[in-house]
C-alpha atoms as a PDB file:
ATOM      1  CA  MET A   1     148.943  35.957 131.736  1.00  0.00           C
ATOM      2  CA  LYS A   2     147.510  37.536 134.878  1.00  0.00           C
ATOM      3  CA  LYS A   3     150.272  40.134 134.926  1.00  0.00           C
ATOM      4  CA  ILE A   4     149.519  41.152 131.338  1.00  0.00           C
ATOM      5  CA  LEU A   5     145.789  41.469 132.058  1.00  0.00           C
ATOM      6  CA  LEU A   6     146.458  43.437 135.240  1.00  0.00           C
ATOM      7  CA  SER A   7     148.830  45.741 133.356  1.00  0.00           C
ATOM      8  CA  LEU A   8     146.243  46.305 130.627  1.00  0.00           C
ATOM      9  CA  VAL A   9     143.516  47.088 133.174  1.00  0.00           C
ATOM     10  CA  ILE A  10     145.793  49.547 134.985  1.00  0.00           C
ATOM     11  CA  ILE A  11     146.847  51.255 131.732  1.00  0.00           C
ATOM     12  CA  ILE A  12     143.238  51.561 130.524  1.00  0.00           C
ATOM     13  CA  THR A  13     142.102  52.864 133.922  1.00  0.00           C
ATOM     14  CA  VAL A  14     144.850  55.489 133.994  1.00  0.00           C
ATOM     15  CA  LEU A  15     144.008  56.489 130.422  1.00  0.00           C
ATOM     16  CA  ILE A  16     140.314  56.892 131.263  1.00  0.00           C
ATOM     17  CA  VAL A  17     141.115  58.948 134.377  1.00  0.00           C
ATOM     18  CA  VAL A  18     143.426  61.234 132.384  1.00  0.00           C
ATOM     19  CA  LEU A  19     140.842  61.639 129.619  1.00  0.00           C
ATOM     20  CA  PHE A  20     138.081  62.562 132.071  1.00  0.00           C
ATOM     21  CA  TYR A  21     140.361  65.013 133.876  1.00  0.00           C
ATOM     22  CA  ARG A  22     141.396  66.707 130.606  1.00  0.00           C
ATOM     23  CA  ALA A  23     137.794  66.855 129.381  1.00  0.00           C
ATOM     24  CA  ASN A  24     136.662  68.561 132.571  1.00  0.00           C
ATOM     25  CA  THR A  25     139.509  71.079 132.776  1.00  0.00           C
ATOM     26  CA  ALA A  26     140.037  71.882 129.086  1.00  0.00           C
ATOM     27  CA  PHE A  27     136.760  73.738 128.613  1.00  0.00           C
ATOM     28  CA  GLU A  28     136.927  76.163 131.507  1.00  0.00           C
ATOM     29  CA  ASN A  29     135.828  79.719 130.866  1.00  0.00           C
ATOM     30  CA  HIS A  30     138.896  81.827 130.011  1.00  0.00           C
ATOM     31  CA  GLN A  31     137.081  84.795 128.506  1.00  0.00           C
ATOM     32  CA  TYR A  32     138.029  88.350 129.351  1.00  0.00           C
ATOM     33  CA  GLN A  33     135.408  90.345 131.176  1.00  0.00           C
ATOM     34  CA  VAL A  34     134.461  93.760 129.822  1.00  0.00           C
ATOM     35  CA  THR A  35     135.268  96.419 132.398  1.00  0.00           C
ATOM     36  CA  GLU A  36     134.256  99.559 130.499  1.00  0.00           C
ATOM     37  CA  PRO A  37     131.331 100.106 128.168  1.00  0.00           C
ATOM     38  CA  LEU A  38     132.226 100.170 124.498  1.00  0.00           C
ATOM     39  CA  THR A  39     132.166 103.525 122.769  1.00  0.00           C
ATOM     40  CA  THR A  40     130.153 103.945 119.615  1.00  0.00           C
ATOM     41  CA  ILE A  41     131.999 104.750 116.408  1.00  0.00           C
ATOM     42  CA  LYS A  42     130.670 107.491 114.172  1.00  0.00           C
ATOM     43  CA  LEU A  43     130.988 106.663 110.485  1.00  0.00           C
ATOM     44  CA  ASP A  44     130.412 108.842 107.477  1.00  0.00           C
ATOM     45  CA  GLU A  45     128.109 106.581 105.468  1.00  0.00           C
ATOM     46  CA  ASN A  46     128.783 108.336 102.161  1.00  0.00           C
ATOM     47  CA  ALA A  47     132.532 107.893 102.564  1.00  0.00           C
ATOM     48  CA  VAL A  48     132.067 104.223 103.460  1.00  0.00           C
ATOM     49  CA  VAL A  49     129.914 103.643 100.377  1.00  0.00           C
ATOM     50  CA  GLN A  50     132.433 105.403  98.123  1.00  0.00           C
ATOM     51  CA  ARG A  51     135.371 103.381  99.490  1.00  0.00           C
ATOM     52  CA  LEU A  52     133.444 100.132  99.138  1.00  0.00           C
ATOM     53  CA  SER A  53     132.526 101.056  95.574  1.00  0.00           C
ATOM     54  CA  LYS A  54     136.185 101.716  94.734  1.00  0.00           C
ATOM     55  CA  ALA A  55     137.268  98.467  96.405  1.00  0.00           C
ATOM     56  CA  ILE A  56     134.795  96.451  94.367  1.00  0.00           C
ATOM     57  CA  GLN A  57     136.104  97.974  91.138  1.00  0.00           C
ATOM     58  CA  ILE A  58     139.769  97.076  91.755  1.00  0.00           C
ATOM     59  CA  PRO A  59     140.871  94.504  89.168  1.00  0.00           C
ATOM     60  CA  THR A  60     142.146  91.280  90.651  1.00  0.00           C
ATOM     61  CA  ILE A  61     144.553  88.606  89.493  1.00  0.00           C
ATOM     62  CA  SER A  62     141.664  86.277  88.696  1.00  0.00           C
ATOM     63  CA  MET A  63     140.370  88.816  86.152  1.00  0.00           C
ATOM     64  CA  ARG A  64     143.714  88.734  84.338  1.00  0.00           C
ATOM     65  CA  ILE A  65     143.755  84.948  84.391  1.00  0.00           C
ATOM     66  CA  LYS A  66     140.247  84.834  82.925  1.00  0.00           C
ATOM     67  CA  ARG A  67     141.297  87.181  80.110  1.00  0.00           C
ATOM     68  CA  ILE A  68     144.298  84.980  79.328  1.00  0.00           C
ATOM     69  CA  LEU A  69     142.275  81.770  79.395  1.00  0.00           C
ATOM     70  CA  ILE A  70     139.359  83.142  77.398  1.00  0.00           C
ATOM     71  CA  LYS A  71     141.551  84.859  74.777  1.00  0.00           C
ATOM     72  CA  PRO A  72     141.289  82.934  71.505  1.00  0.00           C
ATOM     73  CA  HIS A  73     144.408  80.973  70.668  1.00  0.00           C
ATOM     74  CA  PHE A  74     143.823  81.041  66.944  1.00  0.00           C
ATOM     75  CA  THR A  75     143.050  84.244  65.145  1.00  0.00           C
ATOM     76  CA  HIS A  76     141.752  84.528  61.612  1.00  0.00           C
ATOM     77  CA  SER A  77     143.647  86.899  59.435  1.00  0.00           C
ATOM     78  CA  ASN A  78     142.284  88.469  56.290  1.00  0.00           C
ATOM     79  CA  ASN A  79     145.728  88.528  54.661  1.00  0.00           C
ATOM     80  CA  THR A  80     145.456  85.290  52.663  1.00  0.00           C
END
């Protein structure tokens, strides 16, 4: 019984040590440092607005699905 308890205490202690080690080393700062200043990008605002307007108007698959689902399944004909 003592051997089992001792084994459990050793296993739990090792587990706690490993967890603390991983917690302290896993969150180190690995970010790249900027060495040169970023250059500004010149945009033609009118061109950006036009492209965005065209992109918004592109029909999507969901529009086709809505048309199929909303289309009436039964049509009334006047040829009776």
